N, C-alpha and C. Protein backbone atom coordinates (compact mmCIF):
# COMPACT_ATOMS: atom_id res chain seq x y z
N MET A 1 -4.63 53.04 8.85
CA MET A 1 -4.41 52.48 7.37
C MET A 1 -3.50 51.20 7.46
N ALA A 2 -2.35 51.24 8.17
CA ALA A 2 -1.70 49.93 8.27
C ALA A 2 -2.29 49.02 9.04
N LYS A 3 -3.08 49.12 9.84
CA LYS A 3 -3.91 48.01 10.54
C LYS A 3 -4.57 47.35 9.52
N LYS A 4 -5.32 48.19 8.59
CA LYS A 4 -6.23 47.68 7.66
C LYS A 4 -5.72 46.69 6.66
N VAL A 5 -4.27 47.27 6.21
CA VAL A 5 -3.46 46.43 5.32
C VAL A 5 -3.13 45.09 6.07
N LEU A 6 -2.63 45.18 7.25
CA LEU A 6 -2.30 43.95 7.99
C LEU A 6 -3.25 43.16 8.15
N VAL A 7 -4.57 43.61 8.53
CA VAL A 7 -5.78 42.66 8.73
C VAL A 7 -6.07 42.05 7.36
N ALA A 8 -5.89 42.84 6.31
CA ALA A 8 -6.33 42.27 4.69
C ALA A 8 -5.36 41.23 4.43
N ALA A 9 -4.04 41.58 4.71
CA ALA A 9 -3.01 40.47 4.54
C ALA A 9 -3.03 39.11 5.30
N ILE A 10 -3.41 39.40 6.64
CA ILE A 10 -3.76 38.05 7.44
C ILE A 10 -4.97 37.25 6.90
N ALA A 11 -6.07 38.16 6.59
CA ALA A 11 -7.34 37.45 6.06
C ALA A 11 -6.98 36.70 4.68
N ALA A 12 -6.31 37.37 3.95
CA ALA A 12 -5.94 36.83 2.55
C ALA A 12 -4.97 35.40 2.71
N THR A 13 -4.05 35.63 3.82
CA THR A 13 -3.22 34.43 4.15
C THR A 13 -4.05 33.22 4.61
N VAL A 14 -4.89 33.59 5.66
CA VAL A 14 -5.72 32.49 6.10
C VAL A 14 -6.74 32.01 4.91
N GLY A 15 -7.30 32.81 4.18
CA GLY A 15 -8.11 32.30 3.14
C GLY A 15 -7.42 31.37 2.14
N ILE A 16 -6.15 31.86 1.75
CA ILE A 16 -5.33 30.98 0.84
C ILE A 16 -4.90 29.76 1.40
N ALA A 17 -4.62 29.67 2.62
CA ALA A 17 -4.44 28.52 3.47
C ALA A 17 -5.57 27.51 3.62
N GLY A 18 -6.69 28.02 3.88
CA GLY A 18 -7.91 27.31 3.98
C GLY A 18 -8.33 26.93 2.70
N ALA A 19 -8.14 27.57 1.35
CA ALA A 19 -8.34 26.92 0.27
C ALA A 19 -7.42 25.77 -0.13
N GLY A 20 -6.16 26.04 0.19
CA GLY A 20 -5.23 25.07 -0.07
C GLY A 20 -5.63 23.68 0.71
N LEU A 21 -6.00 23.82 2.08
CA LEU A 21 -6.51 22.77 2.97
C LEU A 21 -7.75 22.21 2.22
N PHE A 22 -8.77 23.05 1.87
CA PHE A 22 -9.80 22.41 1.20
C PHE A 22 -9.70 21.50 -0.05
N TYR A 23 -8.62 22.13 -0.88
CA TYR A 23 -8.32 21.46 -2.25
C TYR A 23 -7.58 20.10 -1.83
N TRP A 24 -6.63 20.15 -0.61
CA TRP A 24 -5.95 18.93 -0.21
C TRP A 24 -6.96 17.85 0.14
N LYS A 25 -8.02 18.17 0.94
CA LYS A 25 -8.99 17.42 1.39
C LYS A 25 -9.76 16.73 0.35
N ALA A 26 -10.18 17.53 -0.55
CA ALA A 26 -11.15 17.53 -1.69
C ALA A 26 -10.67 16.41 -2.68
N THR A 27 -9.30 16.64 -2.91
CA THR A 27 -8.65 15.76 -3.90
C THR A 27 -8.25 14.47 -3.23
N GLY A 28 -8.34 14.50 -2.04
CA GLY A 28 -8.01 13.05 -1.39
C GLY A 28 -6.48 12.65 -1.41
N LEU A 29 -5.80 13.67 -1.36
CA LEU A 29 -4.47 13.29 -1.58
C LEU A 29 -3.70 13.10 -0.08
N THR A 30 -4.15 12.00 0.67
CA THR A 30 -3.63 11.64 1.87
C THR A 30 -3.03 10.31 1.80
N ASP A 31 -2.27 9.96 2.95
CA ASP A 31 -1.60 8.53 2.82
C ASP A 31 -2.58 7.61 2.75
N GLN A 32 -3.81 7.91 3.60
CA GLN A 32 -4.81 6.89 3.64
C GLN A 32 -5.43 6.57 2.42
N SER A 33 -5.90 7.65 1.58
CA SER A 33 -6.64 7.60 0.38
C SER A 33 -5.83 6.96 -0.68
N LEU A 34 -4.50 7.32 -0.73
CA LEU A 34 -3.58 6.87 -1.79
C LEU A 34 -3.38 5.30 -1.52
N LEU A 35 -3.04 4.84 -0.18
CA LEU A 35 -2.79 3.55 0.02
C LEU A 35 -4.00 2.69 -0.19
N LEU A 36 -5.11 3.09 0.33
CA LEU A 36 -6.31 2.48 0.09
C LEU A 36 -6.69 2.14 -1.24
N ALA A 37 -6.70 3.15 -2.22
CA ALA A 37 -6.73 3.09 -3.47
C ALA A 37 -5.94 2.20 -4.07
N LYS A 38 -4.72 2.06 -3.69
CA LYS A 38 -3.76 0.96 -4.40
C LYS A 38 -4.23 -0.51 -3.88
N CYS A 39 -4.35 -0.48 -2.71
CA CYS A 39 -4.75 -1.84 -2.10
C CYS A 39 -6.14 -2.41 -2.55
N GLU A 40 -7.05 -1.48 -2.79
CA GLU A 40 -8.28 -2.01 -3.36
C GLU A 40 -7.91 -2.47 -4.73
N GLU A 41 -7.30 -1.84 -5.47
CA GLU A 41 -6.84 -2.07 -6.83
C GLU A 41 -6.41 -3.63 -6.78
N VAL A 42 -5.47 -3.85 -5.83
CA VAL A 42 -4.78 -5.17 -5.90
C VAL A 42 -5.86 -6.19 -5.52
N LEU A 43 -6.74 -5.86 -4.48
CA LEU A 43 -7.82 -6.81 -3.92
C LEU A 43 -8.59 -7.04 -5.04
N LEU A 44 -9.20 -6.27 -5.79
CA LEU A 44 -10.06 -6.17 -6.92
C LEU A 44 -9.76 -7.32 -7.97
N ASP A 45 -8.29 -7.44 -8.26
CA ASP A 45 -7.88 -8.34 -9.04
C ASP A 45 -7.99 -9.88 -8.52
N ARG A 46 -8.20 -9.96 -7.26
CA ARG A 46 -8.20 -11.29 -6.63
C ARG A 46 -9.63 -11.84 -6.43
N LEU A 47 -10.76 -10.91 -6.42
CA LEU A 47 -12.02 -11.05 -6.28
C LEU A 47 -12.72 -11.86 -7.26
N ARG A 48 -13.43 -12.85 -7.10
CA ARG A 48 -14.30 -13.65 -8.08
C ARG A 48 -15.27 -12.73 -8.84
N SER A 49 -16.06 -11.87 -7.98
CA SER A 49 -17.07 -11.06 -8.62
C SER A 49 -16.63 -9.36 -8.13
N PRO A 50 -15.73 -8.90 -8.79
CA PRO A 50 -15.11 -7.49 -8.49
C PRO A 50 -16.27 -6.60 -8.55
N ALA A 51 -17.24 -6.63 -9.44
CA ALA A 51 -18.25 -5.74 -9.58
C ALA A 51 -19.13 -5.53 -8.27
N THR A 52 -19.11 -6.63 -7.55
CA THR A 52 -19.96 -6.48 -6.32
C THR A 52 -19.29 -5.85 -5.41
N TYR A 53 -18.03 -5.59 -5.25
CA TYR A 53 -17.09 -4.97 -4.17
C TYR A 53 -17.74 -3.61 -3.73
N ASN A 54 -17.78 -3.62 -2.34
CA ASN A 54 -18.16 -2.23 -1.79
C ASN A 54 -17.39 -2.26 -0.36
N ARG A 55 -16.47 -1.12 -0.21
CA ARG A 55 -15.76 -1.04 0.91
C ARG A 55 -16.91 -0.43 2.12
N VAL A 56 -16.56 -1.00 3.22
CA VAL A 56 -17.41 -0.71 4.38
C VAL A 56 -16.92 0.18 5.46
N THR A 57 -15.53 -0.13 5.81
CA THR A 57 -14.80 0.72 6.67
C THR A 57 -13.44 0.60 6.29
N ALA A 58 -12.57 1.64 6.79
CA ALA A 58 -11.10 1.67 6.66
C ALA A 58 -10.53 2.32 7.85
N THR A 59 -9.43 1.78 8.28
CA THR A 59 -8.67 2.51 9.40
C THR A 59 -7.92 3.55 8.98
N ASP A 60 -7.25 4.44 9.78
CA ASP A 60 -6.32 5.26 9.33
C ASP A 60 -4.96 4.60 9.23
N VAL A 61 -4.07 5.29 8.43
CA VAL A 61 -2.91 4.63 8.08
C VAL A 61 -2.15 4.64 9.33
N GLU A 62 -1.37 3.54 9.71
CA GLU A 62 -0.42 3.39 10.71
C GLU A 62 1.03 3.59 10.17
N ARG A 63 1.70 4.51 10.70
CA ARG A 63 3.27 4.69 10.01
C ARG A 63 4.01 4.26 11.34
N THR A 64 4.81 3.02 11.15
CA THR A 64 5.75 2.74 12.05
C THR A 64 7.25 2.77 11.23
N VAL A 65 8.10 2.53 12.22
CA VAL A 65 9.52 2.31 11.53
C VAL A 65 9.60 0.88 11.05
N ALA A 66 9.97 0.89 9.76
CA ALA A 66 10.25 -0.64 9.29
C ALA A 66 11.48 -1.27 9.79
N LEU A 67 11.28 -2.27 10.37
CA LEU A 67 12.48 -2.95 11.00
C LEU A 67 13.03 -3.91 9.86
N GLN A 68 14.32 -4.23 9.94
CA GLN A 68 14.75 -5.04 8.92
C GLN A 68 14.01 -6.44 8.87
N ASN A 69 13.58 -6.95 10.21
CA ASN A 69 12.86 -8.17 10.09
C ASN A 69 11.59 -8.15 9.45
N ASP A 70 10.93 -7.07 9.43
CA ASP A 70 9.64 -6.73 8.53
C ASP A 70 9.94 -6.98 6.98
N TYR A 71 11.21 -6.39 6.65
CA TYR A 71 11.43 -6.52 5.17
C TYR A 71 12.03 -7.81 4.88
N LEU A 72 12.83 -8.49 5.62
CA LEU A 72 13.26 -9.86 5.38
C LEU A 72 12.09 -10.85 5.48
N TYR A 73 10.93 -10.70 6.30
CA TYR A 73 9.86 -11.63 6.17
C TYR A 73 9.18 -11.46 4.73
N ALA A 74 8.86 -10.26 4.36
CA ALA A 74 8.24 -9.93 3.13
C ALA A 74 8.96 -10.70 1.92
N ASN A 75 10.30 -10.31 2.07
CA ASN A 75 11.12 -10.79 0.69
C ASN A 75 11.47 -12.34 1.07
N ASP A 76 11.51 -12.90 2.22
CA ASP A 76 11.43 -14.51 2.24
C ASP A 76 10.41 -15.00 1.63
N LYS A 77 9.15 -14.47 2.02
CA LYS A 77 7.86 -15.09 1.58
C LYS A 77 7.87 -14.90 0.06
N ARG A 78 8.27 -13.94 -0.61
CA ARG A 78 8.45 -13.80 -2.04
C ARG A 78 9.50 -14.94 -2.74
N ARG A 79 10.52 -15.03 -1.90
CA ARG A 79 11.64 -15.89 -2.06
C ARG A 79 11.02 -17.36 -2.26
N ALA A 80 10.18 -17.70 -1.16
CA ALA A 80 9.67 -19.01 -1.14
C ALA A 80 8.75 -19.38 -2.48
N LEU A 81 8.00 -18.38 -2.77
CA LEU A 81 7.03 -18.44 -3.75
C LEU A 81 7.67 -18.80 -5.09
N ASN A 82 8.97 -18.16 -5.30
CA ASN A 82 9.67 -18.25 -6.47
C ASN A 82 10.39 -19.60 -6.72
N GLN A 83 10.00 -20.56 -5.91
CA GLN A 83 10.86 -21.81 -6.04
C GLN A 83 10.20 -22.73 -7.13
N ILE A 84 9.41 -22.15 -8.05
CA ILE A 84 8.81 -22.86 -9.24
C ILE A 84 9.94 -23.40 -10.20
N GLU A 85 11.06 -22.74 -10.36
CA GLU A 85 12.03 -23.12 -11.19
C GLU A 85 13.28 -23.10 -10.34
N LYS A 86 13.46 -23.72 -9.14
CA LYS A 86 14.36 -23.51 -8.18
C LYS A 86 15.68 -23.86 -8.60
N ASN A 87 16.02 -24.82 -9.37
CA ASN A 87 17.37 -25.12 -9.55
C ASN A 87 18.05 -24.12 -10.41
N ARG A 88 17.25 -23.64 -11.36
CA ARG A 88 17.98 -22.62 -12.36
C ARG A 88 18.01 -21.33 -11.88
N ARG A 89 17.09 -21.02 -10.94
CA ARG A 89 16.81 -19.60 -10.69
C ARG A 89 17.55 -19.30 -9.23
N ASP A 90 17.77 -20.31 -8.47
CA ASP A 90 17.96 -19.98 -7.01
C ASP A 90 19.12 -19.02 -6.70
N ALA A 91 20.36 -19.28 -7.38
CA ALA A 91 21.53 -18.41 -7.25
C ALA A 91 21.13 -16.94 -7.78
N GLU A 92 20.25 -16.74 -8.71
CA GLU A 92 20.16 -15.32 -9.08
C GLU A 92 19.20 -14.78 -8.17
N LEU A 93 18.29 -15.52 -7.61
CA LEU A 93 17.22 -14.98 -6.54
C LEU A 93 17.99 -14.58 -5.24
N LYS A 94 18.92 -15.38 -4.92
CA LYS A 94 19.68 -14.96 -3.61
C LYS A 94 20.39 -13.86 -3.96
N ARG A 95 21.03 -13.57 -5.00
CA ARG A 95 21.76 -12.19 -5.32
C ARG A 95 20.81 -11.21 -5.27
N LEU A 96 19.63 -11.35 -5.87
CA LEU A 96 18.70 -10.16 -6.02
C LEU A 96 18.41 -9.95 -4.76
N HIS A 97 17.84 -11.00 -3.80
CA HIS A 97 17.52 -10.63 -2.44
C HIS A 97 18.47 -9.99 -1.69
N ASP A 98 19.69 -10.45 -1.66
CA ASP A 98 20.73 -9.91 -0.91
C ASP A 98 20.87 -8.39 -1.23
N GLN A 99 20.96 -8.09 -2.65
CA GLN A 99 21.06 -6.58 -3.01
C GLN A 99 19.72 -5.77 -2.60
N LYS A 100 18.57 -6.27 -2.37
CA LYS A 100 17.31 -5.65 -1.79
C LYS A 100 17.52 -5.36 -0.38
N VAL A 101 18.09 -6.39 0.16
CA VAL A 101 18.25 -6.13 1.68
C VAL A 101 19.45 -5.18 1.97
N ASP A 102 20.48 -5.13 1.15
CA ASP A 102 21.40 -4.27 1.18
C ASP A 102 20.96 -2.80 1.12
N ARG A 103 20.08 -2.73 0.20
CA ARG A 103 19.52 -1.33 -0.32
C ARG A 103 18.72 -0.85 0.94
N PHE A 104 17.89 -1.81 1.48
CA PHE A 104 17.00 -1.51 2.65
C PHE A 104 17.77 -1.04 3.63
N GLN A 105 18.75 -1.75 4.06
CA GLN A 105 19.56 -1.34 5.17
C GLN A 105 20.22 0.15 5.04
N ALA A 106 20.52 0.48 3.69
CA ALA A 106 21.33 1.77 3.63
C ALA A 106 20.31 2.85 3.68
N THR A 107 19.13 2.71 3.66
CA THR A 107 18.15 3.90 3.90
C THR A 107 17.02 3.53 4.56
N PRO A 108 16.62 4.15 5.77
CA PRO A 108 15.64 3.92 6.70
C PRO A 108 14.37 4.09 5.85
N HIS A 109 13.40 3.11 6.32
CA HIS A 109 12.00 2.97 5.72
C HIS A 109 11.01 3.12 6.87
N ASP A 110 9.73 3.38 6.32
CA ASP A 110 8.73 3.34 7.08
C ASP A 110 7.82 2.47 6.80
N LYS A 111 6.89 1.56 7.46
CA LYS A 111 5.96 0.66 6.96
C LYS A 111 4.69 1.33 7.26
N LEU A 112 3.62 1.43 6.18
CA LEU A 112 2.39 2.06 6.36
C LEU A 112 1.58 0.75 6.30
N SER A 113 0.53 0.71 7.26
CA SER A 113 -0.38 -0.43 7.32
C SER A 113 -1.63 0.06 7.52
N LEU A 114 -2.81 -0.39 7.12
CA LEU A 114 -4.26 -0.17 7.24
C LEU A 114 -5.10 -1.42 7.13
N TYR A 115 -6.01 -1.50 7.70
CA TYR A 115 -7.03 -2.56 7.54
C TYR A 115 -8.37 -2.07 6.84
N PHE A 116 -9.05 -2.66 6.02
CA PHE A 116 -10.25 -2.28 5.66
C PHE A 116 -11.29 -3.38 5.34
N ASP A 117 -12.56 -3.18 5.76
CA ASP A 117 -13.54 -4.08 5.69
C ASP A 117 -14.49 -3.93 4.21
N TYR A 118 -14.87 -4.89 3.57
CA TYR A 118 -15.46 -4.99 2.49
C TYR A 118 -16.39 -5.88 2.31
N ASP A 119 -17.45 -5.87 1.46
CA ASP A 119 -18.46 -6.62 1.16
C ASP A 119 -18.30 -7.04 -0.36
N ALA A 120 -18.30 -8.33 -0.77
CA ALA A 120 -18.28 -8.75 -2.12
C ALA A 120 -18.87 -9.96 -2.27
N ALA A 121 -19.39 -10.45 -3.55
CA ALA A 121 -19.98 -11.88 -3.58
C ALA A 121 -18.87 -12.92 -3.92
N ASN A 122 -19.14 -14.09 -3.42
CA ASN A 122 -18.23 -15.14 -3.81
C ASN A 122 -18.76 -15.85 -5.08
N ALA A 123 -18.02 -16.86 -5.55
CA ALA A 123 -18.38 -17.31 -6.84
C ALA A 123 -19.71 -17.89 -6.86
N PHE A 124 -20.44 -18.10 -5.89
CA PHE A 124 -21.74 -18.56 -5.92
C PHE A 124 -22.80 -17.35 -5.93
N GLY A 125 -22.43 -16.24 -5.95
CA GLY A 125 -23.22 -14.89 -5.65
C GLY A 125 -23.61 -14.63 -4.34
N THR A 126 -23.03 -15.41 -3.35
CA THR A 126 -23.45 -15.14 -2.15
C THR A 126 -22.66 -13.84 -1.40
N PRO A 127 -23.22 -12.83 -1.05
CA PRO A 127 -22.49 -11.84 -0.34
C PRO A 127 -21.85 -12.21 0.83
N LEU A 128 -20.55 -11.84 0.93
CA LEU A 128 -19.80 -12.05 2.15
C LEU A 128 -19.02 -10.76 2.50
N ARG A 129 -18.61 -10.75 3.89
CA ARG A 129 -17.90 -9.59 4.38
C ARG A 129 -16.41 -9.99 4.42
N GLY A 130 -15.46 -9.35 4.19
CA GLY A 130 -13.98 -9.51 4.46
C GLY A 130 -13.38 -8.40 4.96
N THR A 131 -12.04 -8.81 5.41
CA THR A 131 -11.22 -7.80 6.11
C THR A 131 -9.88 -8.09 5.47
N ALA A 132 -9.30 -7.13 4.92
CA ALA A 132 -7.97 -7.07 4.33
C ALA A 132 -6.91 -6.30 4.99
N ARG A 133 -5.81 -6.63 5.24
CA ARG A 133 -4.70 -5.85 5.71
C ARG A 133 -3.72 -5.52 4.56
N CYS A 134 -3.47 -4.19 4.65
CA CYS A 134 -2.54 -3.62 3.48
C CYS A 134 -1.19 -2.96 4.02
N GLU A 135 -0.17 -3.23 3.44
CA GLU A 135 1.06 -2.78 3.97
C GLU A 135 1.96 -2.37 2.73
N ALA A 136 2.74 -1.34 2.96
CA ALA A 136 3.55 -0.74 1.89
C ALA A 136 4.89 -0.17 2.69
N PHE A 137 6.00 -0.39 2.07
CA PHE A 137 7.21 0.42 2.51
C PHE A 137 7.67 1.61 1.71
N VAL A 138 7.79 2.75 2.62
CA VAL A 138 8.18 3.84 1.88
C VAL A 138 9.45 4.29 2.60
N LEU A 139 10.26 5.31 1.94
CA LEU A 139 11.40 5.88 2.70
C LEU A 139 11.04 6.83 3.86
N ARG A 140 11.56 6.73 4.90
CA ARG A 140 11.42 7.44 6.08
C ARG A 140 11.33 8.79 5.71
N GLY A 141 9.90 9.61 6.26
CA GLY A 141 9.88 10.92 6.11
C GLY A 141 9.05 11.10 4.68
N ARG A 142 9.07 10.28 3.85
CA ARG A 142 8.35 10.70 2.48
C ARG A 142 6.88 10.46 2.56
N ALA A 143 6.16 11.20 2.06
CA ALA A 143 4.74 11.03 2.01
C ALA A 143 4.49 10.09 0.87
N LEU A 144 3.45 9.33 1.07
CA LEU A 144 3.00 8.29 0.17
C LEU A 144 2.96 8.91 -1.40
N ARG A 145 2.24 10.02 -1.42
CA ARG A 145 2.10 10.84 -2.59
C ARG A 145 3.31 11.05 -3.46
N ASP A 146 4.51 10.87 -2.76
CA ASP A 146 5.74 11.30 -3.46
C ASP A 146 6.36 9.92 -4.02
N VAL A 147 5.79 8.83 -3.68
CA VAL A 147 6.22 7.50 -4.22
C VAL A 147 5.60 7.23 -5.43
N SER A 148 6.46 7.12 -6.64
CA SER A 148 5.79 7.17 -7.86
C SER A 148 5.15 5.59 -8.17
N MET A 149 6.07 4.64 -7.60
CA MET A 149 5.72 3.19 -7.81
C MET A 149 5.47 2.54 -6.49
N LEU A 150 4.47 2.02 -6.30
CA LEU A 150 4.01 1.37 -5.00
C LEU A 150 3.37 0.13 -5.25
N ASP A 151 3.96 -0.96 -4.62
CA ASP A 151 3.49 -2.37 -4.87
C ASP A 151 2.96 -2.82 -3.49
N PRO A 152 1.71 -2.41 -2.89
CA PRO A 152 1.49 -2.85 -1.59
C PRO A 152 1.26 -4.25 -1.27
N ARG A 153 1.25 -4.79 -0.39
CA ARG A 153 0.92 -6.18 0.13
C ARG A 153 -0.56 -6.13 0.70
N VAL A 154 -1.27 -6.93 0.06
CA VAL A 154 -2.70 -7.05 0.54
C VAL A 154 -2.73 -8.64 1.31
N ASP A 155 -2.90 -8.79 2.49
CA ASP A 155 -3.05 -9.95 3.26
C ASP A 155 -1.70 -10.53 3.08
N GLY A 156 -0.39 -9.90 2.86
CA GLY A 156 0.70 -10.52 3.00
C GLY A 156 1.44 -10.78 1.56
N TYR A 157 0.55 -10.47 0.39
CA TYR A 157 0.95 -10.81 -1.00
C TYR A 157 0.87 -9.50 -1.87
N THR A 158 2.07 -9.31 -2.51
CA THR A 158 1.79 -8.38 -3.61
C THR A 158 0.98 -9.05 -4.73
N SER A 159 0.56 -8.03 -5.76
CA SER A 159 -0.14 -8.84 -6.95
C SER A 159 0.58 -9.85 -7.49
N PHE A 160 2.04 -9.78 -7.75
CA PHE A 160 2.84 -10.77 -8.48
C PHE A 160 2.77 -11.94 -7.54
N GLU A 161 3.04 -11.80 -6.40
CA GLU A 161 3.30 -12.92 -5.48
C GLU A 161 2.06 -13.65 -5.35
N TRP A 162 0.91 -13.01 -5.28
CA TRP A 162 -0.32 -13.68 -5.10
C TRP A 162 -0.70 -14.59 -6.47
N ALA A 163 -0.32 -13.88 -7.63
CA ALA A 163 -0.51 -14.74 -9.01
C ALA A 163 0.44 -15.95 -9.04
N LEU A 164 1.61 -15.79 -8.50
CA LEU A 164 2.62 -17.02 -8.48
C LEU A 164 2.03 -17.96 -7.38
N ASP A 165 1.40 -17.66 -6.21
CA ASP A 165 0.87 -18.56 -5.48
C ASP A 165 -0.23 -19.43 -6.00
N GLN A 166 -1.03 -18.72 -6.88
CA GLN A 166 -2.32 -19.34 -7.55
C GLN A 166 -1.77 -20.25 -8.62
N ILE A 167 -0.77 -20.05 -9.26
CA ILE A 167 -0.06 -20.90 -10.28
C ILE A 167 0.35 -22.17 -9.57
N GLU A 168 1.16 -21.95 -8.40
CA GLU A 168 1.71 -22.98 -7.83
C GLU A 168 0.56 -23.87 -7.21
N LYS A 169 -0.53 -23.38 -6.85
CA LYS A 169 -1.55 -24.20 -6.25
C LYS A 169 -2.35 -25.05 -7.46
N LEU A 170 -2.30 -24.39 -8.55
CA LEU A 170 -2.89 -25.20 -9.90
C LEU A 170 -1.91 -26.44 -10.13
N GLY A 171 -0.59 -26.29 -9.87
CA GLY A 171 0.38 -27.31 -10.12
C GLY A 171 0.24 -28.39 -9.11
N ASN A 172 -0.27 -28.20 -7.93
CA ASN A 172 -0.45 -29.29 -6.77
C ASN A 172 -1.77 -30.04 -6.87
């Protein structure tokens, strides 16, 4: 009798674990699917014909230790884009930049990155294939699903940075 109860308990545990794993996979709550969804959202805002977008392939998420140079590079690029009103905002930007660097140094981060290939039409309706690189910083050890606000970089720019870059290009 005790063996039957033990076997039933093991079977129930395995069944519950299997159901949980199935739910996890079915809902797509993985770092890859979450990061890819956010990155595609950013990319769609940039495309001339977003309705023609079709993802072809995507790599797995690569999680590496984010070095201070990674973070500084990303923020220095942002800082360079914000030179539209240089004289008025430079001191404030430097202060904000320094605060962000200090916060980054105080807590270790991971850098998540992946590549994905996609097909989309250009402004003339010609279908083209493109490749995008997506990166995001998260606190070390945290799963991406635990991050409430994520602003990934697609091809080196967040949505905001890309918009500023487009405005700057219009001015030139």
